[in-house]
Amino acid sequence: MAFNIQNGGTWTRAFMRLNGCFGRLGTTRVLRNTFHDRDAVLASVKDVLAWDFDRIIVGHGDIVESGGKEALARAYGI
């Protein structure tokens, strides 16, 4: 679960900056606070990182056209 908001209106930019993920692929502070088992989340992300991919299509924000695996690892601090 990650966002990739690269642009937007004043409120969008402010909200995403306050939540720590404007201008990069990342998870918001609000979302991270919903993770009850951080170890399980990181294990799941590591499973995804084992897949063969380079591009990420997110539900919210811009597509990560290349370097997706590295961006996802950075987003989760792996």
PDB file of N, CA and C in Angstrom:
ATOM      1  N   MET A   1       0.844  -1.165   0.000  1.00  0.00           N
ATOM      2  CA  MET A   1       0.000   0.000   0.000  1.00  0.00           C
ATOM      3  C   MET A   1       0.891   1.230   0.000  1.00  0.00           C
ATOM      4  N   ALA A   2       0.830   1.945  -1.118  1.00  0.00           N
ATOM      5  CA  ALA A   2       1.693   3.112  -1.260  1.00  0.00           C
ATOM      6  C   ALA A   2       1.024   4.139  -2.164  1.00  0.00           C
ATOM      7  N   PHE A   3       1.428   5.359  -1.983  1.00  0.00           N
ATOM      8  CA  PHE A   3       0.972   6.480  -2.792  1.00  0.00           C
ATOM      9  C   PHE A   3       2.169   7.016  -3.573  1.00  0.00           C
ATOM     10  N   ASN A   4       1.888   7.665  -4.706  1.00  0.00           N
ATOM     11  CA  ASN A   4       2.942   8.321  -5.466  1.00  0.00           C
ATOM     12  C   ASN A   4       2.397   9.655  -5.987  1.00  0.00           C
ATOM     13  N   ILE A   5       2.167  10.578  -5.081  1.00  0.00           N
ATOM     14  CA  ILE A   5       1.612  11.883  -5.421  1.00  0.00           C
ATOM     15  C   ILE A   5       2.769  12.816  -5.764  1.00  0.00           C
ATOM     16  N   GLN A   6       2.872  13.190  -7.026  1.00  0.00           N
ATOM     17  CA  GLN A   6       3.957  14.045  -7.504  1.00  0.00           C
ATOM     18  C   GLN A   6       3.527  15.500  -7.680  1.00  0.00           C
ATOM     19  N   ASN A   7       2.230  15.727  -7.775  1.00  0.00           N
ATOM     20  CA  ASN A   7       1.720  17.089  -7.935  1.00  0.00           C
ATOM     21  C   ASN A   7       0.297  17.135  -7.412  1.00  0.00           C
ATOM     22  N   GLY A   8      -0.283  18.294  -7.431  1.00  0.00           N
ATOM     23  CA  GLY A   8      -1.646  18.441  -6.946  1.00  0.00           C
ATOM     24  C   GLY A   8      -1.880  19.856  -6.459  1.00  0.00           C
ATOM     25  N   GLY A   9      -3.068  20.077  -6.006  1.00  0.00           N
ATOM     26  CA  GLY A   9      -3.424  21.384  -5.490  1.00  0.00           C
ATOM     27  C   GLY A   9      -2.773  21.648  -4.141  1.00  0.00           C
ATOM     28  N   THR A  10      -2.994  22.837  -3.651  1.00  0.00           N
ATOM     29  CA  THR A  10      -2.391  23.266  -2.383  1.00  0.00           C
ATOM     30  C   THR A  10      -2.710  22.304  -1.250  1.00  0.00           C
ATOM     31  N   TRP A  11      -3.968  21.914  -1.112  1.00  0.00           N
ATOM     32  CA  TRP A  11      -4.367  21.039  -0.006  1.00  0.00           C
ATOM     33  C   TRP A  11      -3.770  19.640  -0.146  1.00  0.00           C
ATOM     34  N   THR A  12      -3.750  19.144  -1.370  1.00  0.00           N
ATOM     35  CA  THR A  12      -3.155  17.820  -1.601  1.00  0.00           C
ATOM     36  C   THR A  12      -1.672  17.833  -1.252  1.00  0.00           C
ATOM     37  N   ARG A  13      -0.952  18.816  -1.757  1.00  0.00           N
ATOM     38  CA  ARG A  13       0.479  18.915  -1.470  1.00  0.00           C
ATOM     39  C   ARG A  13       0.727  19.045   0.032  1.00  0.00           C
ATOM     40  N   ALA A  14      -0.035  19.912   0.695  1.00  0.00           N
ATOM     41  CA  ALA A  14       0.145  20.111   2.134  1.00  0.00           C
ATOM     42  C   ALA A  14      -0.145  18.829   2.904  1.00  0.00           C
ATOM     43  N   PHE A  15      -1.258  18.167   2.599  1.00  0.00           N
ATOM     44  CA  PHE A  15      -1.628  16.937   3.295  1.00  0.00           C
ATOM     45  C   PHE A  15      -0.582  15.854   3.107  1.00  0.00           C
ATOM     46  N   MET A  16      -0.132  15.672   1.873  1.00  0.00           N
ATOM     47  CA  MET A  16       0.832  14.612   1.607  1.00  0.00           C
ATOM     48  C   MET A  16       2.210  14.945   2.195  1.00  0.00           C
ATOM     49  N   ARG A  17       2.589  16.209   2.221  1.00  0.00           N
ATOM     50  CA  ARG A  17       3.861  16.577   2.876  1.00  0.00           C
ATOM     51  C   ARG A  17       3.783  16.299   4.375  1.00  0.00           C
ATOM     52  N   LEU A  18       2.676  16.693   4.992  1.00  0.00           N
ATOM     53  CA  LEU A  18       2.515  16.446   6.421  1.00  0.00           C
ATOM     54  C   LEU A  18       2.519  14.949   6.736  1.00  0.00           C
ATOM     55  N   ASN A  19       2.054  14.150   5.782  1.00  0.00           N
ATOM     56  CA  ASN A  19       2.008  12.706   5.969  1.00  0.00           C
ATOM     57  C   ASN A  19       3.261  12.002   5.478  1.00  0.00           C
ATOM     58  N   GLY A  20       4.240  12.765   5.027  1.00  0.00           N
ATOM     59  CA  GLY A  20       5.554  12.213   4.743  1.00  0.00           C
ATOM     60  C   GLY A  20       5.756  11.520   3.423  1.00  0.00           C
ATOM     61  N   CYS A  21       4.898  11.766   2.431  1.00  0.00           N
ATOM     62  CA  CYS A  21       5.156  11.055   1.169  1.00  0.00           C
ATOM     63  C   CYS A  21       4.792  11.864  -0.067  1.00  0.00           C
ATOM     64  N   PHE A  22       4.936  13.162  -0.035  1.00  0.00           N
ATOM     65  CA  PHE A  22       4.713  13.937  -1.254  1.00  0.00           C
ATOM     66  C   PHE A  22       5.976  13.894  -2.112  1.00  0.00           C
ATOM     67  N   GLY A  23       5.816  13.670  -3.397  1.00  0.00           N
ATOM     68  CA  GLY A  23       6.932  13.717  -4.328  1.00  0.00           C
ATOM     69  C   GLY A  23       7.738  12.439  -4.429  1.00  0.00           C
ATOM     70  N   ARG A  24       7.247  11.360  -3.843  1.00  0.00           N
ATOM     71  CA  ARG A  24       7.939  10.071  -3.914  1.00  0.00           C
ATOM     72  C   ARG A  24       6.937   8.962  -3.637  1.00  0.00           C
ATOM     73  N   LEU A  25       7.288   7.768  -4.015  1.00  0.00           N
ATOM     74  CA  LEU A  25       6.482   6.608  -3.658  1.00  0.00           C
ATOM     75  C   LEU A  25       6.648   6.379  -2.168  1.00  0.00           C
ATOM     76  N   GLY A  26       5.561   6.240  -1.450  1.00  0.00           N
ATOM     77  CA  GLY A  26       5.657   6.019  -0.017  1.00  0.00           C
ATOM     78  C   GLY A  26       4.315   5.739   0.627  1.00  0.00           C
ATOM     79  N   THR A  27       4.375   5.446   1.899  1.00  0.00           N
ATOM     80  CA  THR A  27       3.173   5.248   2.691  1.00  0.00           C
ATOM     81  C   THR A  27       2.986   6.475   3.575  1.00  0.00           C
ATOM     82  N   THR A  28       1.757   6.826   3.838  1.00  0.00           N
ATOM     83  CA  THR A  28       1.499   7.980   4.698  1.00  0.00           C
ATOM     84  C   THR A  28       1.647   7.587   6.163  1.00  0.00           C
ATOM     85  N   ARG A  29       1.867   8.583   6.982  1.00  0.00           N
ATOM     86  CA  ARG A  29       1.920   8.331   8.434  1.00  0.00           C
ATOM     87  C   ARG A  29       0.589   7.753   8.910  1.00  0.00           C
ATOM     88  N   VAL A  30      -0.502   8.263   8.361  1.00  0.00           N
ATOM     89  CA  VAL A  30      -1.835   7.759   8.730  1.00  0.00           C
ATOM     90  C   VAL A  30      -1.928   6.270   8.414  1.00  0.00           C
ATOM     91  N   LEU A  31      -1.492   5.875   7.227  1.00  0.00           N
ATOM     92  CA  LEU A  31      -1.554   4.468   6.833  1.00  0.00           C
ATOM     93  C   LEU A  31      -0.647   3.614   7.707  1.00  0.00           C
ATOM     94  N   ARG A  32       0.574   4.093   7.955  1.00  0.00           N
ATOM     95  CA  ARG A  32       1.504   3.314   8.797  1.00  0.00           C
ATOM     96  C   ARG A  32       0.932   3.078  10.191  1.00  0.00           C
ATOM     97  N   ASN A  33       0.152   4.012  10.690  1.00  0.00           N
ATOM     98  CA  ASN A  33      -0.456   3.841  12.016  1.00  0.00           C
ATOM     99  C   ASN A  33      -1.519   2.754  12.042  1.00  0.00           C
ATOM    100  N   THR A  34      -1.971   2.303  10.889  1.00  0.00           N
ATOM    101  CA  THR A  34      -2.963   1.221  10.839  1.00  0.00           C
ATOM    102  C   THR A  34      -2.302  -0.153  10.791  1.00  0.00           C
ATOM    103  N   PHE A  35      -0.981  -0.200  10.632  1.00  0.00           N
ATOM    104  CA  PHE A  35      -0.262  -1.470  10.576  1.00  0.00           C
ATOM    105  C   PHE A  35      -0.113  -2.012  12.000  1.00  0.00           C
ATOM    106  N   HIS A  36      -0.868  -3.038  12.330  1.00  0.00           N
ATOM    107  CA  HIS A  36      -0.829  -3.607  13.678  1.00  0.00           C
ATOM    108  C   HIS A  36       0.327  -4.594  13.855  1.00  0.00           C
ATOM    109  N   ASP A  37       0.771  -5.178  12.746  1.00  0.00           N
ATOM    110  CA  ASP A  37       1.871  -6.156  12.807  1.00  0.00           C
ATOM    111  C   ASP A  37       2.910  -5.752  11.765  1.00  0.00           C
ATOM    112  N   ARG A  38       3.818  -4.865  12.168  1.00  0.00           N
ATOM    113  CA  ARG A  38       4.820  -4.322  11.248  1.00  0.00           C
ATOM    114  C   ARG A  38       5.671  -5.428  10.624  1.00  0.00           C
ATOM    115  N   ASP A  39       6.012  -6.450  11.388  1.00  0.00           N
ATOM    116  CA  ASP A  39       6.817  -7.556  10.859  1.00  0.00           C
ATOM    117  C   ASP A  39       6.090  -8.275   9.726  1.00  0.00           C
ATOM    118  N   ALA A  40       4.778  -8.461   9.873  1.00  0.00           N
ATOM    119  CA  ALA A  40       3.990  -9.121   8.825  1.00  0.00           C
ATOM    120  C   ALA A  40       3.927  -8.252   7.573  1.00  0.00           C
ATOM    121  N   VAL A  41       3.783  -6.940   7.759  1.00  0.00           N
ATOM    122  CA  VAL A  41       3.749  -6.025   6.619  1.00  0.00           C
ATOM    123  C   VAL A  41       5.075  -6.100   5.866  1.00  0.00           C
ATOM    124  N   LEU A  42       6.182  -6.012   6.596  1.00  0.00           N
ATOM    125  CA  LEU A  42       7.506  -6.062   5.958  1.00  0.00           C
ATOM    126  C   LEU A  42       7.753  -7.404   5.279  1.00  0.00           C
ATOM    127  N   ALA A  43       7.276  -8.489   5.862  1.00  0.00           N
ATOM    128  CA  ALA A  43       7.419  -9.805   5.231  1.00  0.00           C
ATOM    129  C   ALA A  43       6.649  -9.848   3.911  1.00  0.00           C
ATOM    130  N   SER A  44       5.460  -9.263   3.896  1.00  0.00           N
ATOM    131  CA  SER A  44       4.657  -9.224   2.674  1.00  0.00           C
ATOM    132  C   SER A  44       5.330  -8.381   1.599  1.00  0.00           C
ATOM    133  N   VAL A  45       5.865  -7.237   1.997  1.00  0.00           N
ATOM    134  CA  VAL A  45       6.558  -6.374   1.036  1.00  0.00           C
ATOM    135  C   VAL A  45       7.792  -7.096   0.488  1.00  0.00           C
ATOM    136  N   LYS A  46       8.522  -7.799   1.332  1.00  0.00           N
ATOM    137  CA  LYS A  46       9.683  -8.557   0.860  1.00  0.00           C
ATOM    138  C   LYS A  46       9.275  -9.637  -0.130  1.00  0.00           C
ATOM    139  N   ASP A  47       8.111 -10.266   0.095  1.00  0.00           N
ATOM    140  CA  ASP A  47       7.595 -11.245  -0.865  1.00  0.00           C
ATOM    141  C   ASP A  47       7.344 -10.577  -2.218  1.00  0.00           C
ATOM    142  N   VAL A  48       6.740  -9.396  -2.207  1.00  0.00           N
ATOM    143  CA  VAL A  48       6.472  -8.661  -3.451  1.00  0.00           C
ATOM    144  C   VAL A  48       7.787  -8.277  -4.128  1.00  0.00           C
ATOM    145  N   LEU A  49       8.779  -7.863  -3.345  1.00  0.00           N
ATOM    146  CA  LEU A  49      10.064  -7.471  -3.920  1.00  0.00           C
ATOM    147  C   LEU A  49      10.787  -8.629  -4.595  1.00  0.00           C
ATOM    148  N   ALA A  50      10.413  -9.860  -4.271  1.00  0.00           N
ATOM    149  CA  ALA A  50      11.007 -11.029  -4.919  1.00  0.00           C
ATOM    150  C   ALA A  50      10.451 -11.242  -6.324  1.00  0.00           C
ATOM    151  N   TRP A  51       9.325 -10.598  -6.651  1.00  0.00           N
ATOM    152  CA  TRP A  51       8.741 -10.720  -7.980  1.00  0.00           C
ATOM    153  C   TRP A  51       9.600  -9.970  -8.993  1.00  0.00           C
ATOM    154  N   ASP A  52       9.420 -10.308 -10.262  1.00  0.00           N
ATOM    155  CA  ASP A  52      10.120  -9.636 -11.354  1.00  0.00           C
ATOM    156  C   ASP A  52       9.250  -8.485 -11.868  1.00  0.00           C
ATOM    157  N   PHE A  53       9.585  -7.258 -11.468  1.00  0.00           N
ATOM    158  CA  PHE A  53       8.847  -6.087 -11.929  1.00  0.00           C
ATOM    159  C   PHE A  53       9.742  -4.868 -11.898  1.00  0.00           C
ATOM    160  N   ASP A  54       9.367  -3.871 -12.670  1.00  0.00           N
ATOM    161  CA  ASP A  54      10.087  -2.597 -12.684  1.00  0.00           C
ATOM    162  C   ASP A  54       9.111  -1.430 -12.602  1.00  0.00           C
ATOM    163  N   ARG A  55       7.876  -1.640 -13.029  1.00  0.00           N
ATOM    164  CA  ARG A  55       6.852  -0.602 -13.112  1.00  0.00           C
ATOM    165  C   ARG A  55       5.803  -0.834 -12.036  1.00  0.00           C
ATOM    166  N   ILE A  56       5.352   0.255 -11.412  1.00  0.00           N
ATOM    167  CA  ILE A  56       4.297   0.158 -10.405  1.00  0.00           C
ATOM    168  C   ILE A  56       3.150   1.080 -10.807  1.00  0.00           C
ATOM    169  N   ILE A  57       1.961   0.529 -10.860  1.00  0.00           N
ATOM    170  CA  ILE A  57       0.760   1.317 -11.101  1.00  0.00           C
ATOM    171  C   ILE A  57       0.037   1.414  -9.767  1.00  0.00           C
ATOM    172  N   VAL A  58       0.016   2.613  -9.201  1.00  0.00           N
ATOM    173  CA  VAL A  58      -0.588   2.816  -7.884  1.00  0.00           C
ATOM    174  C   VAL A  58      -2.044   3.225  -8.028  1.00  0.00           C
ATOM    175  N   GLY A  59      -2.797   3.023  -6.974  1.00  0.00           N
ATOM    176  CA  GLY A  59      -4.196   3.443  -6.966  1.00  0.00           C
ATOM    177  C   GLY A  59      -4.345   4.944  -6.805  1.00  0.00           C
ATOM    178  N   HIS A  60      -3.364   5.578  -6.166  1.00  0.00           N
ATOM    179  CA  HIS A  60      -3.404   7.018  -5.928  1.00  0.00           C
ATOM    180  C   HIS A  60      -2.063   7.609  -6.332  1.00  0.00           C
ATOM    181  N   GLY A  61      -2.059   8.386  -7.390  1.00  0.00           N
ATOM    182  CA  GLY A  61      -0.849   9.071  -7.809  1.00  0.00           C
ATOM    183  C   GLY A  61      -0.371   8.637  -9.172  1.00  0.00           C
ATOM    184  N   ASP A  62       0.867   8.979  -9.437  1.00  0.00           N
ATOM    185  CA  ASP A  62       1.476   8.739 -10.736  1.00  0.00           C
ATOM    186  C   ASP A  62       2.084   7.350 -10.819  1.00  0.00           C
ATOM    187  N   ILE A  63       2.091   6.801 -12.022  1.00  0.00           N
ATOM    188  CA  ILE A  63       2.727   5.514 -12.281  1.00  0.00           C
ATOM    189  C   ILE A  63       4.232   5.664 -12.094  1.00  0.00           C
ATOM    190  N   VAL A  64       4.846   4.677 -11.493  1.00  0.00           N
ATOM    191  CA  VAL A  64       6.298   4.612 -11.404  1.00  0.00           C
ATOM    192  C   VAL A  64       6.735   3.812 -12.633  1.00  0.00           C
ATOM    193  N   GLU A  65       7.235   4.505 -13.654  1.00  0.00           N
ATOM    194  CA  GLU A  65       7.539   3.868 -14.931  1.00  0.00           C
ATOM    195  C   GLU A  65       8.736   2.930 -14.868  1.00  0.00           C
ATOM    196  N   SER A  66       9.736   3.264 -14.063  1.00  0.00           N
ATOM    197  CA  SER A  66      10.899   2.387 -13.932  1.00  0.00           C
ATOM    198  C   SER A  66      11.500   2.579 -12.545  1.00  0.00           C
ATOM    199  N   GLY A  67      12.270   1.593 -12.135  1.00  0.00           N
ATOM    200  CA  GLY A  67      12.868   1.644 -10.804  1.00  0.00           C
ATOM    201  C   GLY A  67      11.864   1.387  -9.703  1.00  0.00           C
ATOM    202  N   GLY A  68      10.777   0.723 -10.036  1.00  0.00           N
ATOM    203  CA  GLY A  68       9.710   0.477  -9.068  1.00  0.00           C
ATOM    204  C   GLY A  68      10.130  -0.378  -7.889  1.00  0.00           C
ATOM    205  N   LYS A  69      10.920  -1.400  -8.173  1.00  0.00           N
ATOM    206  CA  LYS A  69      11.343  -2.290  -7.085  1.00  0.00           C
ATOM    207  C   LYS A  69      12.165  -1.521  -6.056  1.00  0.00           C
ATOM    208  N   GLU A  70      13.086  -0.693  -6.519  1.00  0.00           N
ATOM    209  CA  GLU A  70      13.919   0.099  -5.613  1.00  0.00           C
ATOM    210  C   GLU A  70      13.082   1.137  -4.861  1.00  0.00           C
ATOM    211  N   ALA A  71      12.134   1.753  -5.559  1.00  0.00           N
ATOM    212  CA  ALA A  71      11.265   2.747  -4.930  1.00  0.00           C
ATOM    213  C   ALA A  71      10.396   2.121  -3.838  1.00  0.00           C
ATOM    214  N   LEU A  72       9.892   0.917  -4.090  1.00  0.00           N
ATOM    215  CA  LEU A  72       9.060   0.236  -3.094  1.00  0.00           C
ATOM    216  C   LEU A  72       9.904  -0.147  -1.878  1.00  0.00           C
ATOM    217  N   ALA A  73      11.110  -0.622  -2.118  1.00  0.00           N
ATOM    218  CA  ALA A  73      11.999  -0.962  -1.002  1.00  0.00           C
ATOM    219  C   ALA A  73      12.295   0.272  -0.165  1.00  0.00           C
ATOM    220  N   ARG A  74      12.570   1.410  -0.801  1.00  0.00           N
ATOM    221  CA  ARG A  74      12.807   2.664  -0.063  1.00  0.00           C
ATOM    222  C   ARG A  74      11.570   3.083   0.710  1.00  0.00           C
ATOM    223  N   ALA A  75      10.410   2.953   0.104  1.00  0.00           N
ATOM    224  CA  ALA A  75       9.154   3.366   0.739  1.00  0.00           C
ATOM    225  C   ALA A  75       8.925   2.636   2.054  1.00  0.00           C
ATOM    226  N   TYR A  76       9.373   1.392   2.125  1.00  0.00           N
ATOM    227  CA  TYR A  76       9.181   0.595   3.339  1.00  0.00           C
ATOM    228  C   TYR A  76      10.459   0.437   4.154  1.00  0.00           C
ATOM    229  N   GLY A  77      11.499   1.176   3.790  1.00  0.00           N
ATOM    230  CA  GLY A  77      12.737   1.142   4.553  1.00  0.00           C
ATOM    231  C   GLY A  77      13.465  -0.184   4.526  1.00  0.00           C
ATOM    232  N   ILE A  78      13.363  -0.866   3.411  1.00  0.00           N
ATOM    233  CA  ILE A  78      14.000  -2.191   3.270  1.00  0.00           C
ATOM    234  C   ILE A  78      15.278  -2.036   2.451  1.00  0.00           C
TER     235      ILE A  78
END
